[in-house]
Amino acid sequence: MRQYSPDLTPPWKKSRPVPEVPADPGLVVEEPGTGFCGAVIGCEAGTVTLEDRFGKHRVFPMEPRGFLLEGRVVTLVRPASGAPVRPTRTASGSVAVADARARVARAGRIYVEGRHDAELVERVWGDDLRIEGVVVEYLEGIDDLPSVVREFGPGPDARLGVLVDHLVPGTKEWRIAQEVTGEHALVVGHPYIDVWEAMKPASVGIAAWPRVPHGQDWKTGVCRALGWPENTGAAWQHILSRVRSYKDLEPELLGRVEELIDFVTVTE
């Protein structure tokens, strides 16, 4: 009969000297128990956060002999400074600028249709907008957009960008956008009925966004179809909490917001 050792300790945790390696940002290691391999993006309170090549994050305890570095067993330790490791990328995917001060607000602005749109833009692009000095304000619908644009008076030093929901040729929104777009004012939009739908369903934890019958309030209809309480405010907070970065958003929204930021920050 084959004899088995009573010592069930995994090989990588056997008692033998192993090097201690600072958990510097960008260091790529593997957690052998799970096989998860990723770059260090955070380190605090005895844990390390790794991000794999698909953008997935996992948090692991920094135990002795807890990781593999290029196939070698290592012990991760806090960087020499003892300060928390800061993310190297913002939620929008831009390079993070450490200790950057917010720029004095530009005269130019970005307007979005509603509060939910503004909160989503802040969540993903907030760091970028503060560095660029771009203020985002929200409208309650776009029916009055022509008068808003006239009052704003966009010009070379005060460009105006507007993000619109459901910007599809032939719609009311399309006609208004055509009316106000000019050299110093740009209206762009995504094809979704509401900005909720610009979230990838998998990120929200659903298979797909439901189809809501014409004539029914879309947000209420979504809550009803998904079996959520018909409280659109609470539903939005749940949806927003699932957005961690640009990877949770559909490209039809991502491209339009980036386009607006570029437009209002152009120096003529």
Protein backbone atom coordinates (compact mmCIF):
# COMPACT_ATOMS: atom_id res chain seq x y z
CA MET A 1 0.00 0.00 0.00
CA ARG A 2 1.28 3.44 -0.98
CA GLN A 3 2.27 5.60 2.00
CA TYR A 4 1.30 9.27 2.08
CA SER A 5 3.04 11.93 4.12
CA PRO A 6 0.91 13.38 6.94
CA ASP A 7 2.26 16.82 5.99
CA LEU A 8 -0.36 18.32 3.68
CA THR A 9 1.28 21.76 3.48
CA PRO A 10 1.41 22.92 -0.16
CA PRO A 11 4.95 22.76 -1.58
CA TRP A 12 5.20 26.54 -1.98
CA LYS A 13 4.57 27.00 1.77
CA LYS A 14 7.19 24.56 2.99
CA SER A 15 9.52 26.07 5.60
CA ARG A 16 12.55 27.27 3.65
CA PRO A 17 14.09 30.69 3.17
CA VAL A 18 12.32 32.73 0.53
CA PRO A 19 13.01 36.29 -0.60
CA GLU A 20 10.84 39.19 0.52
CA VAL A 21 9.73 41.33 -2.40
CA PRO A 22 8.14 44.80 -2.09
CA ALA A 23 4.62 44.88 -3.57
CA ASP A 24 5.43 47.76 -5.92
CA PRO A 25 2.79 48.91 -8.42
CA GLY A 26 2.94 46.89 -11.62
CA LEU A 27 4.75 43.88 -10.10
CA VAL A 28 3.29 40.74 -11.72
CA VAL A 29 2.86 37.74 -9.42
CA GLU A 30 0.76 34.60 -9.18
CA GLU A 31 -1.26 33.37 -6.21
CA PRO A 32 -0.59 29.62 -6.50
CA GLY A 33 -3.62 28.46 -4.54
CA THR A 34 -6.00 29.90 -7.14
CA GLY A 35 -3.70 30.30 -10.13
CA PHE A 36 -4.69 33.98 -10.35
CA CYS A 37 -1.93 36.00 -12.00
CA GLY A 38 -1.92 39.78 -12.11
CA ALA A 39 -0.16 43.07 -11.53
CA VAL A 40 -0.14 44.78 -8.13
CA ILE A 41 -2.50 47.77 -8.11
CA GLY A 42 -3.08 48.17 -4.36
CA CYS A 43 -1.48 47.24 -1.06
CA GLU A 44 -2.86 48.08 2.37
CA ALA A 45 -3.96 46.59 5.71
CA GLY A 46 -2.12 43.31 5.13
CA THR A 47 -3.66 42.67 1.71
CA VAL A 48 -2.60 43.08 -1.88
CA THR A 49 -4.90 43.72 -4.86
CA LEU A 50 -4.00 42.19 -8.21
CA GLU A 51 -5.41 42.98 -11.66
CA ASP A 52 -5.20 40.32 -14.38
CA ARG A 53 -4.93 40.96 -18.13
CA PHE A 54 -8.71 40.95 -18.46
CA GLY A 55 -9.10 43.74 -15.90
CA LYS A 56 -10.42 41.46 -13.14
CA HIS A 57 -9.40 42.35 -9.59
CA ARG A 58 -8.71 39.97 -6.69
CA VAL A 59 -7.62 40.77 -3.14
CA PHE A 60 -5.28 38.37 -1.32
CA PRO A 61 -3.70 38.35 2.15
CA MET A 62 0.04 39.00 2.11
CA GLU A 63 0.95 35.73 3.82
CA PRO A 64 4.52 34.42 4.05
CA ARG A 65 5.48 32.37 0.97
CA GLY A 66 2.16 33.38 -0.52
CA PHE A 67 3.06 34.18 -4.14
CA LEU A 68 5.10 33.11 -7.14
CA LEU A 69 7.31 35.60 -8.94
CA GLU A 70 8.62 34.26 -12.26
CA GLY A 71 8.07 30.77 -10.88
CA ARG A 72 9.89 31.43 -7.58
CA VAL A 73 8.17 31.43 -4.20
CA VAL A 74 8.26 34.87 -2.58
CA THR A 75 6.79 36.75 0.34
CA LEU A 76 5.22 40.06 -0.61
CA VAL A 77 5.80 42.95 1.80
CA ARG A 78 4.71 46.56 1.90
CA PRO A 79 6.91 48.92 -0.16
CA ALA A 80 9.76 50.52 1.79
CA SER A 81 7.89 53.81 2.13
CA GLY A 82 5.12 52.06 4.03
CA ALA A 83 2.59 54.14 2.11
CA PRO A 84 -0.38 52.50 0.40
CA VAL A 85 0.22 51.58 -3.24
CA ARG A 86 -1.86 53.86 -5.39
CA PRO A 87 -3.57 52.79 -8.60
CA THR A 88 -1.51 53.45 -11.72
CA ARG A 89 -4.65 54.02 -13.81
CA THR A 90 -7.77 56.06 -13.30
CA ALA A 91 -11.22 54.52 -13.71
CA SER A 92 -11.25 55.79 -17.31
CA GLY A 93 -8.02 53.95 -18.11
CA SER A 94 -5.84 57.08 -18.16
CA VAL A 95 -2.46 57.15 -16.44
CA ALA A 96 -3.01 58.28 -12.83
CA VAL A 97 -1.19 61.45 -11.83
CA ALA A 98 -0.09 61.21 -8.19
CA ASP A 99 -0.98 64.15 -5.91
CA ALA A 100 -2.32 66.17 -8.85
CA ARG A 101 -4.27 69.27 -7.91
CA ALA A 102 -7.55 70.04 -9.59
CA ARG A 103 -7.10 72.62 -12.31
CA VAL A 104 -8.98 75.90 -12.14
CA ALA A 105 -12.25 75.33 -13.99
CA ARG A 106 -12.26 76.17 -17.67
CA ALA A 107 -14.88 78.42 -19.16
CA GLY A 108 -15.95 75.48 -21.33
CA ARG A 109 -18.45 72.96 -20.00
CA ILE A 110 -19.91 69.53 -20.63
CA TYR A 111 -23.67 69.21 -20.20
CA VAL A 112 -25.39 65.85 -19.77
CA GLU A 113 -29.09 65.07 -19.82
CA GLY A 114 -29.72 64.11 -16.21
CA ARG A 115 -28.35 63.45 -12.75
CA HIS A 116 -27.69 59.78 -13.42
CA ASP A 117 -25.61 60.67 -16.48
CA ALA A 118 -23.62 63.19 -14.43
CA GLU A 119 -22.98 60.70 -11.62
CA LEU A 120 -21.79 58.07 -14.07
CA VAL A 121 -19.43 60.48 -15.83
CA GLU A 122 -18.03 61.56 -12.46
CA ARG A 123 -17.50 57.97 -11.37
CA VAL A 124 -15.49 56.97 -14.44
CA TRP A 125 -13.94 60.25 -15.66
CA GLY A 126 -13.92 62.35 -12.47
CA ASP A 127 -10.13 62.25 -11.95
CA ASP A 128 -9.48 63.19 -15.57
CA LEU A 129 -12.01 66.02 -15.51
CA ARG A 130 -10.51 67.60 -12.40
CA ILE A 131 -7.01 67.53 -13.88
CA GLU A 132 -8.33 69.11 -17.09
CA GLY A 133 -10.50 71.64 -15.21
CA VAL A 134 -13.71 70.53 -16.94
CA VAL A 135 -17.00 71.01 -15.10
CA VAL A 136 -19.96 68.72 -15.86
CA GLU A 137 -23.49 70.04 -15.39
CA TYR A 138 -26.78 68.33 -16.04
CA LEU A 139 -29.94 69.35 -17.82
CA GLU A 140 -33.39 68.01 -17.08
CA GLY A 141 -34.00 66.81 -20.63
CA ILE A 142 -32.91 68.62 -23.78
CA ASP A 143 -36.10 70.33 -24.97
CA ASP A 144 -34.66 73.70 -23.89
CA LEU A 145 -31.15 72.98 -25.16
CA PRO A 146 -31.23 75.63 -27.95
CA SER A 147 -31.94 78.39 -25.45
CA VAL A 148 -29.37 76.97 -23.02
CA VAL A 149 -26.71 77.08 -25.73
CA ARG A 150 -27.62 80.64 -26.73
CA GLU A 151 -27.40 81.77 -23.11
CA PHE A 152 -24.06 80.00 -22.64
CA GLY A 153 -22.61 81.65 -25.75
CA PRO A 154 -19.92 79.12 -26.73
CA GLY A 155 -16.75 80.52 -28.29
CA PRO A 156 -13.06 79.72 -28.90
CA ASP A 157 -12.22 79.98 -25.18
CA ALA A 158 -15.49 78.52 -23.90
CA ARG A 159 -16.41 75.42 -25.82
CA LEU A 160 -19.58 73.55 -24.99
CA GLY A 161 -20.07 69.79 -25.23
CA VAL A 162 -23.41 68.02 -24.71
CA LEU A 163 -24.06 64.32 -24.15
CA VAL A 164 -27.54 63.14 -25.17
CA ASP A 165 -29.41 59.87 -24.56
CA HIS A 166 -31.01 58.05 -27.49
CA LEU A 167 -29.38 60.13 -30.21
CA VAL A 168 -30.74 58.28 -33.24
CA PRO A 169 -31.33 59.82 -36.70
CA GLY A 170 -34.87 61.08 -37.14
CA THR A 171 -35.66 61.47 -33.43
CA LYS A 172 -36.48 64.67 -31.58
CA GLU A 173 -33.08 64.49 -29.91
CA TRP A 174 -31.39 64.26 -33.30
CA ARG A 175 -33.16 67.34 -34.64
CA ILE A 176 -32.24 69.40 -31.58
CA ALA A 177 -28.60 68.26 -31.81
CA GLN A 178 -28.45 69.31 -35.45
CA GLU A 179 -29.87 72.72 -34.55
CA VAL A 180 -27.29 73.63 -31.89
CA THR A 181 -24.10 71.93 -33.08
CA GLY A 182 -21.57 74.40 -34.43
CA GLU A 183 -17.90 75.32 -34.47
CA HIS A 184 -17.72 75.76 -30.70
CA ALA A 185 -20.64 73.57 -29.60
CA LEU A 186 -20.75 69.81 -30.07
CA VAL A 187 -23.68 67.51 -29.31
CA VAL A 188 -22.99 63.77 -29.31
CA GLY A 189 -24.90 60.85 -27.91
CA HIS A 190 -25.36 57.14 -27.51
CA PRO A 191 -28.17 55.03 -28.98
CA TYR A 192 -29.58 53.83 -25.66
CA ILE A 193 -32.96 54.91 -24.32
CA ASP A 194 -31.36 55.76 -20.99
CA VAL A 195 -27.80 55.88 -19.66
CA TRP A 196 -28.60 52.82 -17.50
CA GLU A 197 -28.50 50.76 -20.69
CA ALA A 198 -24.95 51.94 -21.43
CA MET A 199 -23.77 49.64 -18.64
CA LYS A 200 -22.72 46.18 -19.77
CA PRO A 201 -25.38 43.72 -18.51
CA ALA A 202 -22.76 41.36 -17.12
CA SER A 203 -21.33 44.16 -14.98
CA VAL A 204 -24.76 44.78 -13.47
CA GLY A 205 -25.32 41.04 -12.93
CA ILE A 206 -28.07 40.52 -15.49
CA ALA A 207 -28.21 38.58 -18.76
CA ALA A 208 -29.52 41.51 -20.80
CA TRP A 209 -31.43 44.76 -20.46
CA PRO A 210 -35.14 43.96 -20.82
CA ARG A 211 -37.34 45.36 -23.58
CA VAL A 212 -39.92 47.72 -22.13
CA PRO A 213 -43.25 48.13 -23.96
CA HIS A 214 -43.72 51.46 -25.74
CA GLY A 215 -45.60 53.99 -23.62
CA GLN A 216 -44.35 52.62 -20.31
CA ASP A 217 -41.79 54.47 -18.19
CA TRP A 218 -38.55 52.77 -19.19
CA LYS A 219 -36.81 52.73 -15.81
CA THR A 220 -39.89 51.51 -13.97
CA GLY A 221 -40.39 48.87 -16.65
CA VAL A 222 -36.82 47.68 -16.23
CA CYS A 223 -37.26 47.32 -12.47
CA ARG A 224 -40.50 45.41 -12.99
CA ALA A 225 -39.04 43.07 -15.61
CA LEU A 226 -35.97 42.29 -13.50
CA GLY A 227 -38.00 41.72 -10.34
CA TRP A 228 -36.44 44.69 -8.58
CA PRO A 229 -38.48 46.95 -6.27
CA GLU A 230 -40.00 49.72 -8.39
CA ASN A 231 -37.77 52.35 -6.81
CA THR A 232 -35.71 53.80 -9.64
CA GLY A 233 -33.49 55.80 -7.29
CA ALA A 234 -32.47 52.68 -5.35
CA ALA A 235 -32.10 50.72 -8.58
CA TRP A 236 -29.72 53.35 -9.96
CA GLN A 237 -27.57 53.28 -6.84
CA HIS A 238 -27.28 49.51 -7.22
CA ILE A 239 -26.33 49.86 -10.88
CA LEU A 240 -23.81 52.64 -10.21
CA SER A 241 -22.18 50.61 -7.42
CA ARG A 242 -21.31 47.94 -9.98
CA VAL A 243 -19.36 50.37 -12.18
CA ARG A 244 -15.68 50.25 -11.27
CA SER A 245 -14.05 51.41 -14.48
CA TYR A 246 -14.53 52.09 -18.18
CA LYS A 247 -14.53 48.31 -18.72
CA ASP A 248 -18.06 48.15 -17.29
CA LEU A 249 -19.43 50.50 -19.96
CA GLU A 250 -20.44 49.99 -23.57
CA PRO A 251 -18.08 51.47 -26.19
CA GLU A 252 -20.92 53.58 -27.64
CA LEU A 253 -20.84 55.68 -24.47
CA LEU A 254 -17.09 55.56 -23.87
CA GLY A 255 -16.19 57.02 -27.23
CA ARG A 256 -18.69 59.85 -26.97
CA VAL A 257 -17.53 61.04 -23.54
CA GLU A 258 -13.88 60.93 -24.60
CA GLU A 259 -14.82 62.91 -27.72
CA LEU A 260 -16.46 65.62 -25.62
CA ILE A 261 -13.51 65.89 -23.22
CA ASP A 262 -11.15 66.28 -26.17
CA PHE A 263 -13.46 68.88 -27.76
CA VAL A 264 -13.80 71.17 -24.74
CA THR A 265 -10.09 71.02 -23.85
CA VAL A 266 -8.80 71.97 -27.30
CA THR A 267 -6.71 75.15 -27.26
CA GLU A 268 -7.11 77.18 -30.42
